Amino acid sequence: MNTLLARLLLLCLAPCGFAGTGQSASYSNPVLPGDYPDPSVIRVGQEYWATATTSEWAPLFPLLRSTDLVHWEHVGNAFRRRPDWASANFWAPEISEYQGRFYIYYVGRKKGGPLSLAVATAEKPGGPWTDHGPFMSQPAGSIDAVTAIHENGKRWLLWKEDGNSRNLPTPIWAQELSEDGTRLVGEMKELFRNDAPWEKNLVEGPFVQKRGEYFYCFYSGNGCCGAGCNYALGVARAKSLLGPWEKHPKNPLLPGNDKWRCPGHGSIVSTPDGRDFLLYHAYHGKSFIYTGRQGLLDEVIWADGWPSINGGNGPSVTATVPIKFEPRELTQGFTDEFNDPKLRPEWQWPVNNEPTIRIKDGALILSVAPNRSRDLLGAVAGLKSMTGDYTAITVLDRAGLEPGTQAGLSAFGDAQNALGIMLGDDKLSVYRRQKGKHEVVATIPAPPGSRLHLRLAASEGHRFRFAYSTDGRTWENAGSAVDLEGNYLPPWDRGIRVALTVGGSEDAAGRFDSLSVH
């Protein structure tokens, strides 16, 4: 594939289309297909910049750029690896601009401690980003920070105390920020907490918009994630940032529907013509947790002192475009033939298990860290799955596979839960790993040849079938033609990744000539 074309691949797949031209044209949700929880967006001149939760995957916090809020390009990441102070749970990055400087307030878990708020700064939204470490660590945990300008002109920070982790209420707090935005000053003030029936055990994900005489705080309530989620988005208003706050009597403002489930936790950006758009996440009604919480866009309509979104009917399927743009053909799926010596920013790996990744002579060389060499999944390099039905194909170069080394293709939840196909010691193995127990489902002799094509076919997000080929045209099922069930794969806060894997021996390394996901 042409390198420039590969670079210009947009994240928008088939579900994110458009029809017509000009301001009357429409787009379809999602605008960010795949696992993009807790999205945050700002406008910088004629561009829009967004980021999202990465949880237990590195690099941390994608940097996404758009000129129309519909077509997005993944241009970089805030951090290549986790900060030294934190161990896990990299959630809810909120990007903002203040006096020409850019900030990302985010969540991480302190080593041996609670969920904490931290901040990074940059001179440009594309970085480089400098981490300033944690500045708020309540015993119950502190998450979901966002800035707001007080009526006196001072910048304040709002966040949630994670009381639901201890069966306690979940106050939304506010406190003034220092001039440089890296620490808190003065006293904490509680704005409101979960006290409405629909909110159940929490309110979280605040975002404040000033309009007319009111501050409006958009927030989410109820269970965010996993198969039992019941998330929704509400709004409250106040004439002063510190309250008293009045919750909308028609909350939730944005409930789920048949197409999109458990919507919430977003931020609002205004277009040059004064329209307001909410970028938020939701689960697809069919691919659900397996694809993860995807990025959706809907306009915020104002009337009678309150906002509404899609008439209270939940996330839209299609809507009028925010910005006039020229129609363009959307590139379907993802292909990387490793023609560029620099790794594309879409690639991810487990945050606490960074492999060695090199691109050389048109191949990705994946090597395990020394302390992971005996694990059959010791090195992992993955991509978000973006729909429930897809086919992933990699070409594995068999030359250089050391005895005992296993290299392959996986539907990957985390290190404890995966499904996949591996080549090693002239055998192909289909395996299932659940709660750390690794079980070989089928083993067959590997066919001859210097390169082997491996294929993973997914349906409904959780059913998988594996095959192999020597030429990429004629395929044989690996083991059984029966789909393997992968409904146990995604962790509660993440979607499934399509991953290249290597492991099983000292200095294990695998050479992959390409990966396509369509």
Protein backbone atom coordinates (compact mmCIF):
# COMPACT_ATOMS: atom_id res chain seq x y z
CA MET A 1 0.00 0.00 0.00
CA ASN A 2 1.19 3.52 -0.76
CA THR A 3 2.74 4.94 2.43
CA LEU A 4 1.01 8.28 2.11
CA LEU A 5 -2.35 6.58 1.66
CA ALA A 6 -1.72 4.45 4.73
CA ARG A 7 -0.93 7.58 6.72
CA LEU A 8 -4.16 9.19 5.64
CA LEU A 9 -6.37 6.31 6.71
CA LEU A 10 -9.19 7.79 8.70
CA LEU A 11 -10.60 6.14 11.76
CA CYS A 12 -14.10 6.31 10.32
CA LEU A 13 -15.30 2.93 9.02
CA ALA A 14 -18.50 1.95 7.23
CA PRO A 15 -20.79 2.94 10.15
CA CYS A 16 -19.53 6.53 9.89
CA GLY A 17 -20.71 7.71 6.49
CA PHE A 18 -22.25 10.81 5.02
CA ALA A 19 -24.86 11.72 2.46
CA GLY A 20 -25.38 14.85 0.44
CA THR A 21 -23.28 18.00 0.41
CA GLY A 22 -23.11 21.26 2.30
CA GLN A 23 -24.78 22.16 5.58
CA SER A 24 -27.78 19.91 4.82
CA ALA A 25 -25.56 16.83 4.46
CA SER A 26 -25.79 14.12 7.07
CA TYR A 27 -23.35 11.87 8.89
CA SER A 28 -23.83 8.57 10.71
CA ASN A 29 -22.69 7.58 14.17
CA PRO A 30 -20.14 6.55 15.36
CA VAL A 31 -17.69 9.23 14.31
CA LEU A 32 -14.99 7.41 16.32
CA PRO A 33 -15.59 3.69 15.70
CA GLY A 34 -13.93 1.41 18.23
CA ASP A 35 -12.99 1.78 21.87
CA TYR A 36 -12.90 5.54 22.60
CA PRO A 37 -14.41 5.98 26.09
CA ASP A 38 -14.79 9.35 27.81
CA PRO A 39 -13.95 11.47 24.76
CA SER A 40 -12.94 15.10 25.20
CA VAL A 41 -12.83 17.69 22.40
CA ILE A 42 -11.81 21.32 21.87
CA ARG A 43 -11.65 23.68 18.89
CA VAL A 44 -8.31 25.24 18.02
CA GLY A 45 -8.70 27.72 15.17
CA GLN A 46 -10.21 25.78 12.27
CA GLU A 47 -9.29 22.39 13.74
CA TYR A 48 -10.80 20.15 16.40
CA TRP A 49 -8.67 18.08 18.73
CA ALA A 50 -9.90 15.17 20.82
CA THR A 51 -8.60 12.47 23.12
CA ALA A 52 -10.06 9.53 25.05
CA THR A 53 -9.49 6.93 27.76
CA THR A 54 -6.90 4.23 27.05
CA SER A 55 -7.25 2.37 30.37
CA GLU A 56 -4.67 -0.46 30.44
CA TRP A 57 -3.33 0.11 26.92
CA ALA A 58 -0.33 2.19 25.90
CA PRO A 59 0.49 4.59 24.38
CA LEU A 60 -1.69 6.72 26.62
CA PHE A 61 -4.41 9.02 25.32
CA PRO A 62 -4.78 9.29 21.54
CA LEU A 63 -4.42 12.69 19.90
CA LEU A 64 -7.16 12.96 17.28
CA ARG A 65 -7.53 15.78 14.76
CA SER A 66 -10.45 16.82 12.56
CA THR A 67 -11.65 19.77 10.53
CA ASP A 68 -15.35 18.86 10.63
CA LEU A 69 -15.99 16.77 13.80
CA VAL A 70 -16.97 13.80 11.61
CA HIS A 71 -13.74 12.64 9.97
CA TRP A 72 -10.93 12.06 12.46
CA GLU A 73 -7.25 11.23 12.05
CA HIS A 74 -5.17 9.63 14.80
CA VAL A 75 -2.01 11.76 14.62
CA GLY A 76 -0.21 10.84 17.85
CA ASN A 77 -0.49 10.01 21.54
CA ALA A 78 0.07 12.08 24.66
CA PHE A 79 2.46 9.60 26.35
CA ARG A 80 4.29 6.63 24.86
CA ARG A 81 4.40 4.88 28.23
CA ARG A 82 2.82 5.30 31.63
CA PRO A 83 4.22 7.96 34.00
CA ASP A 84 6.48 6.58 36.73
CA TRP A 85 4.12 7.66 39.51
CA ALA A 86 1.18 5.57 38.27
CA SER A 87 0.47 1.88 37.82
CA ALA A 88 -2.82 1.60 35.89
CA ASN A 89 -6.33 2.96 35.22
CA PHE A 90 -5.54 5.73 32.75
CA TRP A 91 -8.99 7.21 32.35
CA ALA A 92 -10.91 10.32 31.34
CA PRO A 93 -8.31 12.66 29.80
CA GLU A 94 -9.87 16.10 29.47
CA ILE A 95 -8.15 18.39 26.97
CA SER A 96 -8.46 22.16 27.35
CA GLU A 97 -6.79 25.42 26.36
CA TYR A 98 -6.09 28.37 28.65
CA GLN A 99 -4.22 31.52 27.64
CA GLY A 100 -2.58 29.79 24.69
CA ARG A 101 -1.38 26.78 26.67
CA PHE A 102 -2.87 23.28 26.45
CA TYR A 103 -3.76 20.96 29.32
CA ILE A 104 -4.80 17.35 29.69
CA TYR A 105 -6.24 16.53 33.10
CA TYR A 106 -6.38 12.77 33.52
CA VAL A 107 -6.75 9.86 35.94
CA GLY A 108 -4.16 7.31 36.99
CA ARG A 109 -3.82 5.01 39.96
CA LYS A 110 -0.95 5.91 42.26
CA LYS A 111 1.44 3.04 42.86
CA GLY A 112 0.12 1.46 46.05
CA GLY A 113 -2.52 4.18 46.32
CA PRO A 114 -5.88 5.48 45.09
CA LEU A 115 -7.16 6.78 41.79
CA SER A 116 -5.68 10.26 41.41
CA LEU A 117 -5.96 13.35 39.24
CA ALA A 118 -2.91 14.48 37.30
CA VAL A 119 -2.14 17.03 34.61
CA ALA A 120 0.08 17.35 31.55
CA THR A 121 0.79 20.50 29.56
CA ALA A 122 1.90 21.36 26.02
CA GLU A 123 2.47 24.38 23.80
CA LYS A 124 0.47 22.75 20.97
CA PRO A 125 -2.40 20.23 21.07
CA GLY A 126 -0.27 17.74 19.14
CA GLY A 127 2.38 17.89 21.85
CA PRO A 128 4.96 17.13 23.05
CA TRP A 129 3.21 16.77 26.41
CA THR A 130 4.96 17.26 29.77
CA ASP A 131 3.53 15.41 32.77
CA HIS A 132 3.33 17.29 36.07
CA GLY A 133 2.13 14.32 38.10
CA PRO A 134 -0.76 13.90 40.55
CA PHE A 135 -2.25 16.73 42.58
CA MET A 136 -5.48 15.27 44.05
CA SER A 137 -5.74 11.80 45.63
CA GLN A 138 -8.78 11.35 47.88
CA PRO A 139 -8.83 8.04 49.81
CA ALA A 140 -11.92 6.87 47.88
CA GLY A 141 -10.34 7.99 44.59
CA SER A 142 -10.56 11.14 42.47
CA ILE A 143 -11.57 10.93 38.80
CA ASP A 144 -13.09 12.82 35.83
CA ALA A 145 -11.53 16.26 36.12
CA VAL A 146 -12.67 19.17 33.94
CA THR A 147 -11.98 22.90 34.05
CA ALA A 148 -14.52 25.74 34.18
CA ILE A 149 -14.23 29.52 34.39
CA HIS A 150 -15.86 30.98 37.53
CA GLU A 151 -18.00 34.10 37.12
CA ASN A 152 -15.11 36.04 38.73
CA GLY A 153 -12.83 34.98 35.85
CA LYS A 154 -10.79 32.46 37.84
CA ARG A 155 -10.27 28.93 36.49
CA TRP A 156 -11.63 26.11 38.64
CA LEU A 157 -11.44 22.34 38.46
CA LEU A 158 -14.45 20.03 38.86
CA TRP A 159 -14.12 16.31 39.55
CA LYS A 160 -15.86 13.31 41.03
CA GLU A 161 -14.99 11.65 44.33
CA ASP A 162 -15.20 7.93 43.54
CA GLY A 163 -17.38 7.07 46.52
CA ASN A 164 -19.26 4.32 44.68
CA SER A 165 -16.08 2.19 44.97
CA ARG A 166 -16.80 2.12 48.73
CA ASN A 167 -20.61 2.13 48.59
CA LEU A 168 -20.63 5.84 49.42
CA PRO A 169 -22.17 8.88 47.66
CA THR A 170 -20.28 10.47 44.78
CA PRO A 171 -19.96 14.23 45.21
CA ILE A 172 -18.95 16.48 42.35
CA TRP A 173 -16.31 18.79 43.83
CA ALA A 174 -14.91 22.11 42.67
CA GLN A 175 -11.73 23.92 43.68
CA GLU A 176 -9.78 26.86 42.28
CA LEU A 177 -6.73 26.12 40.14
CA SER A 178 -3.38 27.81 40.47
CA GLU A 179 -2.47 30.23 37.71
CA ASP A 180 -0.32 27.62 35.96
CA GLY A 181 -3.11 25.03 36.24
CA THR A 182 -0.97 22.32 37.84
CA ARG A 183 -2.25 22.44 41.44
CA LEU A 184 -5.30 23.34 43.50
CA VAL A 185 -5.62 26.34 45.81
CA GLY A 186 -8.23 27.38 48.35
CA GLU A 187 -11.01 25.15 49.63
CA MET A 188 -12.99 22.34 48.03
CA LYS A 189 -16.67 23.05 47.43
CA GLU A 190 -19.30 20.37 46.81
CA LEU A 191 -21.59 21.18 43.89
CA PHE A 192 -24.02 18.24 43.95
CA ARG A 193 -24.12 14.47 44.36
CA ASN A 194 -26.15 11.45 43.29
CA ASP A 195 -29.63 11.93 44.75
CA ALA A 196 -32.02 11.28 41.82
CA PRO A 197 -33.43 7.76 41.29
CA TRP A 198 -32.07 7.39 37.72
CA GLU A 199 -28.52 8.20 38.89
CA LYS A 200 -28.44 5.18 41.21
CA ASN A 201 -25.03 4.86 42.88
CA LEU A 202 -23.10 7.62 41.11
CA VAL A 203 -22.80 10.84 39.18
CA GLU A 204 -19.58 11.48 37.25
CA GLY A 205 -18.01 12.88 34.08
CA PRO A 206 -18.98 16.55 34.59
CA PHE A 207 -18.64 19.11 31.80
CA VAL A 208 -19.59 22.78 32.28
CA GLN A 209 -20.92 25.09 29.56
CA LYS A 210 -21.79 28.75 30.27
CA ARG A 211 -24.80 30.02 28.33
CA GLY A 212 -26.67 33.22 29.10
CA GLU A 213 -27.17 33.65 32.82
CA TYR A 214 -26.63 29.96 33.63
CA PHE A 215 -23.82 27.52 34.02
CA TYR A 216 -24.88 24.11 32.71
CA CYS A 217 -23.20 20.99 34.05
CA PHE A 218 -23.64 17.94 31.85
CA TYR A 219 -22.94 14.76 33.81
CA SER A 220 -23.48 10.99 33.68
CA GLY A 221 -25.13 8.67 36.16
CA ASN A 222 -25.64 4.97 36.90
CA GLY A 223 -23.38 2.07 35.75
CA CYS A 224 -20.99 3.00 32.95
CA CYS A 225 -19.53 -0.21 31.70
CA GLY A 226 -19.83 -3.88 30.93
CA ALA A 227 -22.77 -6.12 30.12
CA GLY A 228 -24.87 -4.77 33.00
CA CYS A 229 -24.42 -1.07 32.16
CA ASN A 230 -27.31 1.39 32.42
CA TYR A 231 -25.51 4.71 31.89
CA ALA A 232 -27.24 7.91 30.80
CA LEU A 233 -26.47 11.61 30.64
CA GLY A 234 -28.18 14.38 32.57
CA VAL A 235 -27.78 18.12 33.09
CA ALA A 236 -28.02 20.61 35.95
CA ARG A 237 -27.89 24.40 35.93
CA ALA A 238 -26.90 27.21 38.30
CA LYS A 239 -26.40 30.97 38.14
CA SER A 240 -23.11 30.64 40.00
CA LEU A 241 -20.47 28.00 39.38
CA LEU A 242 -20.62 27.02 43.04
CA GLY A 243 -24.38 26.64 42.99
CA PRO A 244 -27.00 26.04 44.12
CA TRP A 245 -27.48 23.57 41.27
CA GLU A 246 -30.88 22.62 39.88
CA LYS A 247 -31.13 19.29 38.06
CA HIS A 248 -33.26 19.14 34.92
CA PRO A 249 -36.69 17.69 35.73
CA LYS A 250 -36.58 15.78 32.43
CA ASN A 251 -33.31 13.98 33.19
CA PRO A 252 -31.83 11.83 31.84
CA LEU A 253 -31.25 14.11 28.90
CA LEU A 254 -29.61 11.35 26.83
CA PRO A 255 -30.80 7.80 27.59
CA GLY A 256 -29.95 4.69 25.59
CA ASN A 257 -32.04 3.26 22.75
CA ASP A 258 -32.13 0.15 20.57
CA LYS A 259 -29.21 1.29 18.41
CA TRP A 260 -26.90 2.67 21.10
CA ARG A 261 -26.68 1.58 24.72
CA CYS A 262 -25.46 3.29 27.89
CA PRO A 263 -24.46 6.72 26.46
CA GLY A 264 -22.59 9.27 28.49
CA HIS A 265 -19.39 11.03 29.59
CA GLY A 266 -18.69 13.57 26.91
CA SER A 267 -17.71 17.17 26.28
CA ILE A 268 -19.20 19.99 24.24
CA VAL A 269 -17.54 22.05 21.52
CA SER A 270 -18.94 25.01 19.62
CA THR A 271 -18.63 25.46 15.87
CA PRO A 272 -17.78 28.87 14.35
CA ASP A 273 -21.46 29.47 13.57
CA GLY A 274 -22.44 28.97 17.23
CA ARG A 275 -23.83 25.43 17.18
CA ASP A 276 -22.95 23.17 20.12
CA PHE A 277 -22.01 19.50 19.69
CA LEU A 278 -21.56 16.81 22.29
CA LEU A 279 -18.87 14.19 21.68
CA TYR A 280 -19.58 11.22 23.98
CA HIS A 281 -19.43 7.45 24.15
CA ALA A 282 -21.92 4.59 23.87
CA TYR A 283 -22.02 0.86 23.18
CA HIS A 284 -23.35 -0.33 19.83
CA GLY A 285 -26.61 -2.25 20.25
CA LYS A 286 -25.24 -5.38 18.53
CA SER A 287 -21.45 -5.52 18.93
CA PHE A 288 -21.90 -4.06 22.44
CA ILE A 289 -19.03 -4.60 24.91
CA TYR A 290 -16.87 -6.48 22.39
CA THR A 291 -16.21 -3.36 20.33
CA GLY A 292 -16.14 -1.11 23.38
CA ARG A 293 -17.52 2.35 24.03
CA GLN A 294 -17.48 4.18 20.72
CA GLY A 295 -17.33 7.91 20.01
CA LEU A 296 -20.66 9.50 19.01
CA LEU A 297 -21.59 13.05 18.07
CA ASP A 298 -24.90 14.85 18.55
CA GLU A 299 -26.00 18.45 18.46
CA VAL A 300 -27.14 20.17 21.66
CA ILE A 301 -30.34 22.17 21.06
CA TRP A 302 -31.29 24.98 23.46
CA ALA A 303 -34.87 26.01 24.27
CA ASP A 304 -36.71 27.39 27.30
CA GLY A 305 -33.59 27.55 29.43
CA TRP A 306 -32.59 23.91 29.01
CA PRO A 307 -30.68 21.81 26.47
CA SER A 308 -32.00 18.78 24.59
CA ILE A 309 -30.28 16.11 22.49
CA ASN A 310 -32.06 14.29 19.66
CA GLY A 311 -35.43 15.09 21.19
CA GLY A 312 -34.69 12.94 24.24
CA ASN A 313 -34.72 9.79 22.08
CA GLY A 314 -31.16 8.74 22.81
CA PRO A 315 -28.17 8.79 20.43
CA SER A 316 -28.92 9.57 16.80
CA VAL A 317 -28.26 7.17 13.95
CA THR A 318 -27.81 9.98 11.43
CA ALA A 319 -27.78 13.75 11.85
CA THR A 320 -26.94 16.98 10.02
CA VAL A 321 -23.22 17.60 9.68
CA PRO A 322 -21.68 20.23 11.99
CA ILE A 323 -19.38 21.75 9.36
CA LYS A 324 -19.74 22.05 5.61
CA PHE A 325 -17.23 19.73 3.95
CA GLU A 326 -16.56 18.29 0.55
CA PRO A 327 -17.76 14.68 0.16
CA ARG A 328 -14.93 12.22 0.37
CA GLU A 329 -14.61 8.49 0.01
CA LEU A 330 -14.10 6.82 3.36
CA THR A 331 -11.30 4.30 3.57
CA GLN A 332 -12.60 1.02 4.90
CA GLY A 333 -10.69 -0.74 7.65
CA PHE A 334 -6.99 -0.72 8.44
CA THR A 335 -3.97 -2.00 6.55
CA ASP A 336 -0.33 -1.70 7.60
CA GLU A 337 2.39 -3.11 5.37
CA PHE A 338 5.12 -1.52 7.50
CA ASN A 339 6.56 0.56 4.69
CA ASP A 340 7.09 3.52 7.01
CA PRO A 341 9.99 3.12 9.46
CA LYS A 342 7.94 4.84 12.16
CA LEU A 343 5.23 2.85 13.94
CA ARG A 344 1.77 4.21 13.24
CA PRO A 345 0.08 5.82 16.28
CA GLU A 346 -2.91 3.44 16.21
CA TRP A 347 -0.80 0.52 17.51
CA GLN A 348 -1.16 -0.35 21.20
CA TRP A 349 0.32 -2.70 23.79
CA PRO A 350 -0.48 -3.54 27.45
CA VAL A 351 0.50 -0.60 29.59
CA ASN A 352 2.64 -2.69 31.96
CA ASN A 353 4.19 -4.92 29.29
CA GLU A 354 5.82 -2.83 26.60
CA PRO A 355 7.36 -5.08 23.95
CA THR A 356 10.26 -4.23 21.69
CA ILE A 357 8.88 -3.18 18.31
CA ARG A 358 11.04 -2.47 15.29
CA ILE A 359 10.13 -1.88 11.66
CA LYS A 360 12.80 -3.09 9.25
CA ASP A 361 12.75 -3.96 5.57
CA GLY A 362 8.96 -3.79 5.34
CA ALA A 363 8.23 -5.93 8.40
CA LEU A 364 7.27 -5.44 12.03
CA ILE A 365 9.62 -7.32 14.36
CA LEU A 366 7.97 -7.99 17.71
CA SER A 367 10.14 -9.13 20.65
CA VAL A 368 9.33 -9.97 24.26
CA ALA A 369 10.72 -8.28 27.33
CA PRO A 370 13.12 -10.58 29.25
CA ASN A 371 10.74 -11.09 32.17
CA ARG A 372 7.96 -12.23 29.80
CA SER A 373 9.87 -14.65 27.62
CA ARG A 374 8.21 -17.85 28.85
CA ASP A 375 4.68 -16.55 28.40
CA LEU A 376 3.18 -17.61 25.08
CA LEU A 377 1.62 -14.13 24.93
CA GLY A 378 4.75 -12.43 26.19
CA ALA A 379 4.69 -9.65 23.57
CA VAL A 380 1.48 -8.09 22.27
CA ALA A 381 0.91 -5.34 19.67
CA GLY A 382 -2.77 -4.66 19.02
CA LEU A 383 -5.37 -2.54 17.28
CA LYS A 384 -8.89 -1.63 18.35
CA SER A 385 -11.66 -3.70 16.84
CA MET A 386 -14.08 -1.25 15.24
CA THR A 387 -17.11 -3.34 14.32
CA GLY A 388 -18.55 -6.67 15.41
CA ASP A 389 -17.94 -8.38 12.05
CA TYR A 390 -14.45 -8.20 10.62
CA THR A 391 -11.60 -10.26 9.19
CA ALA A 392 -7.99 -9.80 10.22
CA ILE A 393 -5.11 -11.25 8.20
CA THR A 394 -1.41 -11.19 8.97
CA VAL A 395 1.52 -12.57 7.00
CA LEU A 396 4.10 -14.23 9.24
CA ASP A 397 7.69 -14.66 8.08
CA ARG A 398 8.79 -18.06 9.35
CA ALA A 399 12.50 -17.35 8.94
CA GLY A 400 14.16 -16.64 12.25
CA LEU A 401 11.51 -18.25 14.47
CA GLU A 402 13.63 -19.82 17.18
CA PRO A 403 12.76 -23.26 18.62
CA GLY A 404 10.07 -22.86 21.26
CA THR A 405 8.97 -19.45 19.97
CA GLN A 406 5.28 -19.06 19.15
CA ALA A 407 4.07 -16.19 16.95
CA GLY A 408 0.53 -15.54 15.88
CA LEU A 409 -2.72 -13.60 15.66
CA SER A 410 -5.14 -13.08 18.53
CA ALA A 411 -8.50 -11.71 19.63
CA PHE A 412 -7.09 -10.19 22.81
CA GLY A 413 -8.90 -9.01 25.92
CA ASP A 414 -5.97 -8.88 28.33
CA ALA A 415 -3.05 -11.06 29.38
CA GLN A 416 -5.42 -13.44 31.17
CA ASN A 417 -8.06 -13.71 28.45
CA ALA A 418 -7.43 -14.28 24.74
CA LEU A 419 -8.22 -16.47 21.74
CA GLY A 420 -5.87 -17.02 18.84
CA ILE A 421 -3.74 -18.99 16.43
CA MET A 422 0.02 -19.54 16.82
CA LEU A 423 2.85 -20.93 14.71
CA GLY A 424 5.83 -22.56 16.39
CA ASP A 425 8.05 -25.63 16.02
CA ASP A 426 6.37 -26.40 12.65
CA LYS A 427 2.93 -26.66 14.23
CA LEU A 428 -0.14 -24.49 14.15
CA SER A 429 -2.12 -24.24 17.38
CA VAL A 430 -5.49 -22.69 18.07
CA TYR A 431 -5.77 -21.75 21.74
CA ARG A 432 -8.13 -20.35 24.30
CA ARG A 433 -6.94 -18.50 27.41
CA GLN A 434 -9.50 -17.72 30.10
CA LYS A 435 -8.70 -16.38 33.57
CA GLY A 436 -5.07 -17.23 32.95
CA LYS A 437 -5.67 -20.86 32.02
CA HIS A 438 -4.13 -21.56 28.60
CA GLU A 439 -5.81 -24.38 26.66
CA VAL A 440 -4.83 -25.64 23.19
CA VAL A 441 -8.03 -26.28 21.25
CA ALA A 442 -6.47 -27.77 18.09
CA THR A 443 -3.01 -28.55 16.73
CA ILE A 444 -2.10 -29.34 13.12
CA PRO A 445 1.19 -29.63 11.19
CA ALA A 446 2.22 -26.33 9.62
CA PRO A 447 2.31 -26.33 5.82
CA PRO A 448 5.65 -25.72 4.08
CA GLY A 449 6.73 -22.32 2.87
CA SER A 450 8.70 -19.30 4.04
CA ARG A 451 5.58 -17.23 4.77
CA LEU A 452 2.29 -18.19 6.30
CA HIS A 453 -0.95 -16.22 6.15
CA LEU A 454 -3.05 -16.36 9.34
CA ARG A 455 -6.70 -15.26 9.41
CA LEU A 456 -9.07 -14.35 12.22
CA ALA A 457 -12.75 -13.93 11.31
CA ALA A 458 -15.06 -12.34 13.89
CA SER A 459 -18.86 -12.26 13.91
CA GLU A 460 -21.15 -10.43 16.34
CA GLY A 461 -18.03 -9.26 18.12
CA HIS A 462 -17.54 -12.45 20.11
CA ARG A 463 -17.49 -15.45 17.76
CA PHE A 464 -14.18 -16.31 16.13
CA ARG A 465 -12.87 -18.67 13.48
CA PHE A 466 -9.22 -19.17 12.49
CA ALA A 467 -7.68 -20.23 9.18
CA TYR A 468 -4.34 -20.36 7.38
CA SER A 469 -3.04 -20.12 3.83
CA THR A 470 0.28 -20.39 2.02
CA ASP A 471 -0.66 -17.94 -0.73
CA GLY A 472 -3.36 -15.68 0.75
CA ARG A 473 -5.99 -17.03 -1.67
CA THR A 474 -6.77 -20.63 -0.68
CA TRP A 475 -7.64 -21.02 2.97
CA GLU A 476 -7.91 -23.99 5.31
CA ASN A 477 -9.69 -23.94 8.65
CA ALA A 478 -7.29 -24.30 11.54
CA GLY A 479 -8.74 -27.15 13.54
CA SER A 480 -12.52 -26.93 13.44
CA ALA A 481 -14.89 -24.99 11.22
CA VAL A 482 -16.95 -24.25 14.33
CA ASP A 483 -16.76 -20.72 15.76
CA LEU A 484 -15.03 -20.35 19.11
CA GLU A 485 -16.94 -18.37 21.71
CA GLY A 486 -15.12 -15.30 23.02
CA ASN A 487 -17.78 -13.67 25.16
CA TYR A 488 -15.45 -13.78 28.16
CA LEU A 489 -12.76 -11.66 26.48
CA PRO A 490 -13.23 -7.95 27.07
CA PRO A 491 -12.42 -6.56 30.52
CA TRP A 492 -15.22 -4.50 32.03
CA ASP A 493 -13.86 -1.18 30.71
CA ARG A 494 -12.28 -2.18 27.37
CA GLY A 495 -13.09 -3.65 23.97
CA ILE A 496 -11.35 -6.52 22.18
CA ARG A 497 -8.10 -5.86 20.32
CA VAL A 498 -6.81 -7.60 17.20
CA ALA A 499 -3.25 -8.43 18.23
CA LEU A 500 0.00 -9.82 16.95
CA THR A 501 1.60 -11.99 19.63
CA VAL A 502 4.99 -13.56 20.34
CA GLY A 503 6.30 -15.62 23.25
CA GLY A 504 7.36 -18.98 24.59
CA SER A 505 11.18 -18.81 24.58
CA GLU A 506 14.17 -16.73 25.60
CA ASP A 507 14.67 -13.80 23.21
CA ALA A 508 11.43 -14.72 21.42
CA ALA A 509 10.78 -12.60 18.34
CA GLY A 510 8.40 -12.74 15.40
CA ARG A 511 8.50 -11.03 12.03
CA PHE A 512 5.19 -9.90 10.51
CA ASP A 513 5.01 -8.61 6.95
CA SER A 514 1.57 -7.01 7.20
CA LEU A 515 -1.70 -6.79 9.09
CA SER A 516 -5.08 -5.91 7.60
CA VAL A 517 -8.40 -5.61 9.44
CA HIS A 518 -11.54 -5.21 7.31
